[in-house]
Amino acid sequence: MSTQVVLPLSKAAFWLAGTAILALLVYYFIGVDQGATSIFGNDVHIHEFVHDARHFLGFPCH
Protein backbone atom coordinates (compact mmCIF):
# COMPACT_ATOMS: atom_id res chain seq x y z
CA MET A 1 0.00 0.00 0.00
CA SER A 2 1.38 3.40 -0.92
CA THR A 3 1.02 6.57 1.08
CA GLN A 4 0.72 10.08 -0.22
CA VAL A 5 3.39 12.66 0.54
CA VAL A 6 1.90 16.05 1.33
CA LEU A 7 4.31 18.93 0.76
CA PRO A 8 3.28 22.47 1.75
CA LEU A 9 3.51 25.06 -1.03
CA SER A 10 6.15 27.09 0.82
CA LYS A 11 8.40 24.05 1.19
CA ALA A 12 7.85 23.05 -2.44
CA ALA A 13 8.78 26.56 -3.58
CA PHE A 14 11.94 26.42 -1.46
CA TRP A 15 13.02 23.10 -3.02
CA LEU A 16 12.15 24.32 -6.53
CA ALA A 17 14.20 27.51 -6.08
CA GLY A 18 17.14 25.60 -4.62
CA THR A 19 17.09 23.08 -7.45
CA ALA A 20 16.89 25.85 -10.07
CA ILE A 21 19.86 27.69 -8.52
CA LEU A 22 21.91 24.49 -8.38
CA ALA A 23 21.03 23.67 -12.00
CA LEU A 24 22.06 27.16 -13.16
CA LEU A 25 25.40 26.86 -11.33
CA VAL A 26 26.08 23.48 -12.92
CA TYR A 27 25.11 24.87 -16.33
CA TYR A 28 27.42 27.85 -15.87
CA PHE A 29 30.43 25.77 -14.84
CA ILE A 30 30.00 23.16 -17.56
CA GLY A 31 28.55 25.23 -20.39
CA VAL A 32 29.55 28.86 -20.02
CA ASP A 33 32.75 29.24 -17.97
CA GLN A 34 35.66 29.68 -20.37
CA GLY A 35 38.56 30.01 -17.95
CA ALA A 36 39.96 33.32 -19.22
CA THR A 37 36.54 34.98 -19.07
CA SER A 38 35.51 33.37 -15.80
CA ILE A 39 33.58 35.48 -13.30
CA PHE A 40 35.93 34.07 -10.64
CA GLY A 41 39.07 35.48 -12.26
CA ASN A 42 42.03 33.83 -13.96
CA ASP A 43 43.20 31.91 -10.89
CA VAL A 44 40.28 29.48 -10.83
CA HIS A 45 40.24 27.25 -13.90
CA ILE A 46 37.08 25.20 -13.46
CA HIS A 47 37.01 24.98 -17.25
CA GLU A 48 39.94 22.56 -17.16
CA PHE A 49 38.19 20.26 -14.68
CA VAL A 50 35.06 19.93 -16.84
CA HIS A 51 36.73 20.15 -20.25
CA ASP A 52 35.90 16.61 -21.42
CA ALA A 53 32.33 16.87 -20.07
CA ARG A 54 31.85 20.03 -22.14
CA HIS A 55 32.75 18.23 -25.36
CA PHE A 56 30.68 15.18 -24.39
CA LEU A 57 27.62 17.42 -23.87
CA GLY A 58 28.22 19.30 -27.13
CA PHE A 59 29.48 22.63 -25.78
CA PRO A 60 32.24 24.17 -27.92
CA CYS A 61 35.11 25.64 -25.96
CA HIS A 62 38.00 26.44 -28.28
PDB file of N, CA and C in Angstrom:
ATOM      1  N   MET A   1       0.846  -1.167   0.000  1.00  0.00           N
ATOM      2  CA  MET A   1       0.000   0.000   0.000  1.00  0.00           C
ATOM      3  C   MET A   1       0.903   1.246   0.000  1.00  0.00           C
ATOM      4  N   SER A   2       0.586   2.179  -0.836  1.00  0.00           N
ATOM      5  CA  SER A   2       1.383   3.402  -0.916  1.00  0.00           C
ATOM      6  C   SER A   2       0.714   4.518  -0.124  1.00  0.00           C
ATOM      7  N   THR A   3       1.546   5.430   0.350  1.00  0.00           N
ATOM      8  CA  THR A   3       1.018   6.568   1.083  1.00  0.00           C
ATOM      9  C   THR A   3       1.365   7.847   0.330  1.00  0.00           C
ATOM     10  N   GLN A   4       0.501   8.804   0.436  1.00  0.00           N
ATOM     11  CA  GLN A   4       0.723  10.079  -0.217  1.00  0.00           C
ATOM     12  C   GLN A   4       1.678  10.941   0.604  1.00  0.00           C
ATOM     13  N   VAL A   5       2.504  11.706  -0.112  1.00  0.00           N
ATOM     14  CA  VAL A   5       3.386  12.660   0.535  1.00  0.00           C
ATOM     15  C   VAL A   5       2.783  14.046   0.324  1.00  0.00           C
ATOM     16  N   VAL A   6       2.482  14.716   1.403  1.00  0.00           N
ATOM     17  CA  VAL A   6       1.897  16.048   1.326  1.00  0.00           C
ATOM     18  C   VAL A   6       3.008  17.055   1.611  1.00  0.00           C
ATOM     19  N   LEU A   7       3.245  17.941   0.649  1.00  0.00           N
ATOM     20  CA  LEU A   7       4.310  18.928   0.756  1.00  0.00           C
ATOM     21  C   LEU A   7       3.684  20.317   0.712  1.00  0.00           C
ATOM     22  N   PRO A   8       3.855  21.109   1.762  1.00  0.00           N
ATOM     23  CA  PRO A   8       3.284  22.469   1.747  1.00  0.00           C
ATOM     24  C   PRO A   8       3.867  23.288   0.590  1.00  0.00           C
ATOM     25  N   LEU A   9       3.089  24.232   0.105  1.00  0.00           N
ATOM     26  CA  LEU A   9       3.506  25.055  -1.030  1.00  0.00           C
ATOM     27  C   LEU A   9       4.790  25.826  -0.736  1.00  0.00           C
ATOM     28  N   SER A  10       4.940  26.331   0.478  1.00  0.00           N
ATOM     29  CA  SER A  10       6.149  27.090   0.823  1.00  0.00           C
ATOM     30  C   SER A  10       7.380  26.200   0.767  1.00  0.00           C
ATOM     31  N   LYS A  11       7.271  24.979   1.223  1.00  0.00           N
ATOM     32  CA  LYS A  11       8.403  24.048   1.193  1.00  0.00           C
ATOM     33  C   LYS A  11       8.695  23.608  -0.241  1.00  0.00           C
ATOM     34  N   ALA A  12       7.668  23.418  -1.035  1.00  0.00           N
ATOM     35  CA  ALA A  12       7.852  23.051  -2.442  1.00  0.00           C
ATOM     36  C   ALA A  12       8.539  24.177  -3.208  1.00  0.00           C
ATOM     37  N   ALA A  13       8.151  25.421  -2.930  1.00  0.00           N
ATOM     38  CA  ALA A  13       8.775  26.564  -3.582  1.00  0.00           C
ATOM     39  C   ALA A  13      10.240  26.671  -3.186  1.00  0.00           C
ATOM     40  N   PHE A  14      10.561  26.404  -1.922  1.00  0.00           N
ATOM     41  CA  PHE A  14      11.940  26.416  -1.457  1.00  0.00           C
ATOM     42  C   PHE A  14      12.774  25.376  -2.206  1.00  0.00           C
ATOM     43  N   TRP A  15      12.279  24.158  -2.317  1.00  0.00           N
ATOM     44  CA  TRP A  15      13.019  23.101  -3.023  1.00  0.00           C
ATOM     45  C   TRP A  15      13.137  23.400  -4.514  1.00  0.00           C
ATOM     46  N   LEU A  16      12.108  23.960  -5.110  1.00  0.00           N
ATOM     47  CA  LEU A  16      12.151  24.320  -6.530  1.00  0.00           C
ATOM     48  C   LEU A  16      13.192  25.407  -6.781  1.00  0.00           C
ATOM     49  N   ALA A  17      13.216  26.434  -5.930  1.00  0.00           N
ATOM     50  CA  ALA A  17      14.198  27.510  -6.081  1.00  0.00           C
ATOM     51  C   ALA A  17      15.617  26.993  -5.874  1.00  0.00           C
ATOM     52  N   GLY A  18      15.815  26.165  -4.870  1.00  0.00           N
ATOM     53  CA  GLY A  18      17.136  25.598  -4.617  1.00  0.00           C
ATOM     54  C   GLY A  18      17.620  24.731  -5.767  1.00  0.00           C
ATOM     55  N   THR A  19      16.734  23.930  -6.317  1.00  0.00           N
ATOM     56  CA  THR A  19      17.088  23.077  -7.450  1.00  0.00           C
ATOM     57  C   THR A  19      17.405  23.913  -8.683  1.00  0.00           C
ATOM     58  N   ALA A  20      16.639  24.973  -8.916  1.00  0.00           N
ATOM     59  CA  ALA A  20      16.891  25.848 -10.068  1.00  0.00           C
ATOM     60  C   ALA A  20      18.237  26.557  -9.934  1.00  0.00           C
ATOM     61  N   ILE A  21      18.576  27.034  -8.739  1.00  0.00           N
ATOM     62  CA  ILE A  21      19.864  27.689  -8.523  1.00  0.00           C
ATOM     63  C   ILE A  21      21.012  26.709  -8.728  1.00  0.00           C
ATOM     64  N   LEU A  22      20.877  25.513  -8.198  1.00  0.00           N
ATOM     65  CA  LEU A  22      21.910  24.493  -8.380  1.00  0.00           C
ATOM     66  C   LEU A  22      22.069  24.133  -9.852  1.00  0.00           C
ATOM     67  N   ALA A  23      20.965  23.998 -10.575  1.00  0.00           N
ATOM     68  CA  ALA A  23      21.026  23.672 -12.001  1.00  0.00           C
ATOM     69  C   ALA A  23      21.700  24.787 -12.795  1.00  0.00           C
ATOM     70  N   LEU A  24      21.412  26.037 -12.462  1.00  0.00           N
ATOM     71  CA  LEU A  24      22.060  27.158 -13.157  1.00  0.00           C
ATOM     72  C   LEU A  24      23.556  27.208 -12.872  1.00  0.00           C
ATOM     73  N   LEU A  25      23.961  26.908 -11.653  1.00  0.00           N
ATOM     74  CA  LEU A  25      25.395  26.857 -11.332  1.00  0.00           C
ATOM     75  C   LEU A  25      26.097  25.759 -12.113  1.00  0.00           C
ATOM     76  N   VAL A  26      25.484  24.587 -12.161  1.00  0.00           N
ATOM     77  CA  VAL A  26      26.079  23.483 -12.923  1.00  0.00           C
ATOM     78  C   VAL A  26      26.154  23.850 -14.399  1.00  0.00           C
ATOM     79  N   TYR A  27      25.101  24.441 -14.931  1.00  0.00           N
ATOM     80  CA  TYR A  27      25.106  24.866 -16.334  1.00  0.00           C
ATOM     81  C   TYR A  27      26.207  25.888 -16.598  1.00  0.00           C
ATOM     82  N   TYR A  28      26.376  26.836 -15.688  1.00  0.00           N
ATOM     83  CA  TYR A  28      27.424  27.848 -15.868  1.00  0.00           C
ATOM     84  C   TYR A  28      28.803  27.196 -15.906  1.00  0.00           C
ATOM     85  N   PHE A  29      29.088  26.346 -14.924  1.00  0.00           N
ATOM     86  CA  PHE A  29      30.429  25.773 -14.836  1.00  0.00           C
ATOM     87  C   PHE A  29      30.735  24.823 -15.979  1.00  0.00           C
ATOM     88  N   ILE A  30      29.743  24.098 -16.468  1.00  0.00           N
ATOM     89  CA  ILE A  30      30.002  23.163 -17.564  1.00  0.00           C
ATOM     90  C   ILE A  30      29.825  23.824 -18.916  1.00  0.00           C
ATOM     91  N   GLY A  31      28.854  24.708 -19.066  1.00  0.00           N
ATOM     92  CA  GLY A  31      28.549  25.226 -20.386  1.00  0.00           C
ATOM     93  C   GLY A  31      29.025  26.613 -20.718  1.00  0.00           C
ATOM     94  N   VAL A  32      29.274  27.465 -19.724  1.00  0.00           N
ATOM     95  CA  VAL A  32      29.549  28.859 -20.020  1.00  0.00           C
ATOM     96  C   VAL A  32      30.968  29.267 -19.629  1.00  0.00           C
ATOM     97  N   ASP A  33      31.441  28.821 -18.476  1.00  0.00           N
ATOM     98  CA  ASP A  33      32.745  29.239 -17.967  1.00  0.00           C
ATOM     99  C   ASP A  33      33.847  28.887 -18.958  1.00  0.00           C
ATOM    100  N   GLN A  34      34.623  29.881 -19.364  1.00  0.00           N
ATOM    101  CA  GLN A  34      35.663  29.682 -20.370  1.00  0.00           C
ATOM    102  C   GLN A  34      37.069  29.824 -19.808  1.00  0.00           C
ATOM    103  N   GLY A  35      37.236  29.866 -18.518  1.00  0.00           N
ATOM    104  CA  GLY A  35      38.564  30.008 -17.947  1.00  0.00           C
ATOM    105  C   GLY A  35      39.032  31.441 -17.967  1.00  0.00           C
ATOM    106  N   ALA A  36      39.439  31.954 -19.119  1.00  0.00           N
ATOM    107  CA  ALA A  36      39.962  33.315 -19.225  1.00  0.00           C
ATOM    108  C   ALA A  36      38.881  34.356 -18.968  1.00  0.00           C
ATOM    109  N   THR A  37      37.631  34.039 -19.284  1.00  0.00           N
ATOM    110  CA  THR A  37      36.539  34.985 -19.073  1.00  0.00           C
ATOM    111  C   THR A  37      35.678  34.597 -17.880  1.00  0.00           C
ATOM    112  N   SER A  38      36.244  33.842 -16.968  1.00  0.00           N
ATOM    113  CA  SER A  38      35.513  33.369 -15.804  1.00  0.00           C
ATOM    114  C   SER A  38      35.141  34.526 -14.887  1.00  0.00           C
ATOM    115  N   ILE A  39      33.975  34.450 -14.258  1.00  0.00           N
ATOM    116  CA  ILE A  39      33.582  35.480 -13.304  1.00  0.00           C
ATOM    117  C   ILE A  39      34.396  35.371 -12.021  1.00  0.00           C
ATOM    118  N   PHE A  40      35.130  34.268 -11.836  1.00  0.00           N
ATOM    119  CA  PHE A  40      35.934  34.071 -10.642  1.00  0.00           C
ATOM    120  C   PHE A  40      37.389  34.465 -10.858  1.00  0.00           C
ATOM    121  N   GLY A  41      37.709  35.039 -12.006  1.00  0.00           N
ATOM    122  CA  GLY A  41      39.074  35.483 -12.258  1.00  0.00           C
ATOM    123  C   GLY A  41      39.903  34.413 -12.958  1.00  0.00           C
ATOM    124  N   ASN A  42      41.150  34.731 -13.215  1.00  0.00           N
ATOM    125  CA  ASN A  42      42.027  33.828 -13.957  1.00  0.00           C
ATOM    126  C   ASN A  42      42.680  32.772 -13.082  1.00  0.00           C
ATOM    127  N   ASP A  43      42.546  32.878 -11.768  1.00  0.00           N
ATOM    128  CA  ASP A  43      43.203  31.913 -10.885  1.00  0.00           C
ATOM    129  C   ASP A  43      42.412  30.619 -10.734  1.00  0.00           C
ATOM    130  N   VAL A  44      41.128  30.658 -10.991  1.00  0.00           N
ATOM    131  CA  VAL A  44      40.275  29.480 -10.825  1.00  0.00           C
ATOM    132  C   VAL A  44      39.925  28.962 -12.211  1.00  0.00           C
ATOM    133  N   HIS A  45      40.453  27.800 -12.557  1.00  0.00           N
ATOM    134  CA  HIS A  45      40.242  27.250 -13.895  1.00  0.00           C
ATOM    135  C   HIS A  45      39.328  26.026 -13.830  1.00  0.00           C
ATOM    136  N   ILE A  46      38.069  26.281 -13.523  1.00  0.00           N
ATOM    137  CA  ILE A  46      37.084  25.202 -13.463  1.00  0.00           C
ATOM    138  C   ILE A  46      36.899  24.605 -14.851  1.00  0.00           C
ATOM    139  N   HIS A  47      37.112  25.434 -15.871  1.00  0.00           N
ATOM    140  CA  HIS A  47      37.007  24.979 -17.253  1.00  0.00           C
ATOM    141  C   HIS A  47      37.860  23.732 -17.493  1.00  0.00           C
ATOM    142  N   GLU A  48      39.044  23.700 -16.940  1.00  0.00           N
ATOM    143  CA  GLU A  48      39.944  22.562 -17.160  1.00  0.00           C
ATOM    144  C   GLU A  48      39.420  21.292 -16.496  1.00  0.00           C
ATOM    145  N   PHE A  49      38.720  21.427 -15.375  1.00  0.00           N
ATOM    146  CA  PHE A  49      38.194  20.257 -14.680  1.00  0.00           C
ATOM    147  C   PHE A  49      37.004  19.640 -15.409  1.00  0.00           C
ATOM    148  N   VAL A  50      36.254  20.441 -16.157  1.00  0.00           N
ATOM    149  CA  VAL A  50      35.059  19.932 -16.836  1.00  0.00           C
ATOM    150  C   VAL A  50      35.231  19.929 -18.355  1.00  0.00           C
ATOM    151  N   HIS A  51      36.459  20.021 -18.825  1.00  0.00           N
ATOM    152  CA  HIS A  51      36.727  20.148 -20.255  1.00  0.00           C
ATOM    153  C   HIS A  51      36.148  18.989 -21.066  1.00  0.00           C
ATOM    154  N   ASP A  52      36.398  17.762 -20.662  1.00  0.00           N
ATOM    155  CA  ASP A  52      35.895  16.613 -21.415  1.00  0.00           C
ATOM    156  C   ASP A  52      34.376  16.513 -21.342  1.00  0.00           C
ATOM    157  N   ALA A  53      33.799  16.882 -20.202  1.00  0.00           N
ATOM    158  CA  ALA A  53      32.334  16.867 -20.072  1.00  0.00           C
ATOM    159  C   ALA A  53      31.707  17.873 -21.020  1.00  0.00           C
ATOM    160  N   ARG A  54      32.372  19.013 -21.213  1.00  0.00           N
ATOM    161  CA  ARG A  54      31.852  20.028 -22.138  1.00  0.00           C
ATOM    162  C   ARG A  54      31.736  19.462 -23.538  1.00  0.00           C
ATOM    163  N   HIS A  55      32.786  18.796 -24.010  1.00  0.00           N
ATOM    164  CA  HIS A  55      32.745  18.229 -25.358  1.00  0.00           C
ATOM    165  C   HIS A  55      31.730  17.105 -25.455  1.00  0.00           C
ATOM    166  N   PHE A  56      31.640  16.280 -24.400  1.00  0.00           N
ATOM    167  CA  PHE A  56      30.676  15.178 -24.394  1.00  0.00           C
ATOM    168  C   PHE A  56      29.248  15.709 -24.501  1.00  0.00           C
ATOM    169  N   LEU A  57      28.959  16.835 -23.849  1.00  0.00           N
ATOM    170  CA  LEU A  57      27.625  17.420 -23.875  1.00  0.00           C
ATOM    171  C   LEU A  57      27.376  18.323 -25.069  1.00  0.00           C
ATOM    172  N   GLY A  58      28.394  18.533 -25.908  1.00  0.00           N
ATOM    173  CA  GLY A  58      28.222  19.297 -27.132  1.00  0.00           C
ATOM    174  C   GLY A  58      28.508  20.781 -27.027  1.00  0.00           C
ATOM    175  N   PHE A  59      29.133  21.221 -25.936  1.00  0.00           N
ATOM    176  CA  PHE A  59      29.485  22.627 -25.783  1.00  0.00           C
ATOM    177  C   PHE A  59      30.840  22.886 -26.435  1.00  0.00           C
ATOM    178  N   PRO A  60      30.926  23.822 -27.361  1.00  0.00           N
ATOM    179  CA  PRO A  60      32.244  24.172 -27.923  1.00  0.00           C
ATOM    180  C   PRO A  60      33.037  24.993 -26.901  1.00  0.00           C
ATOM    181  N   CYS A  61      34.341  24.848 -26.925  1.00  0.00           N
ATOM    182  CA  CYS A  61      35.111  25.642 -25.965  1.00  0.00           C
ATOM    183  C   CYS A  61      36.438  26.135 -26.512  1.00  0.00           C
ATOM    184  N   HIS A  62      36.809  25.822 -27.735  1.00  0.00           N
ATOM    185  CA  HIS A  62      38.005  26.441 -28.284  1.00  0.00           C
ATOM    186  C   HIS A  62      37.779  26.815 -29.710  1.00  0.00           C
TER     187      HIS A  62
END
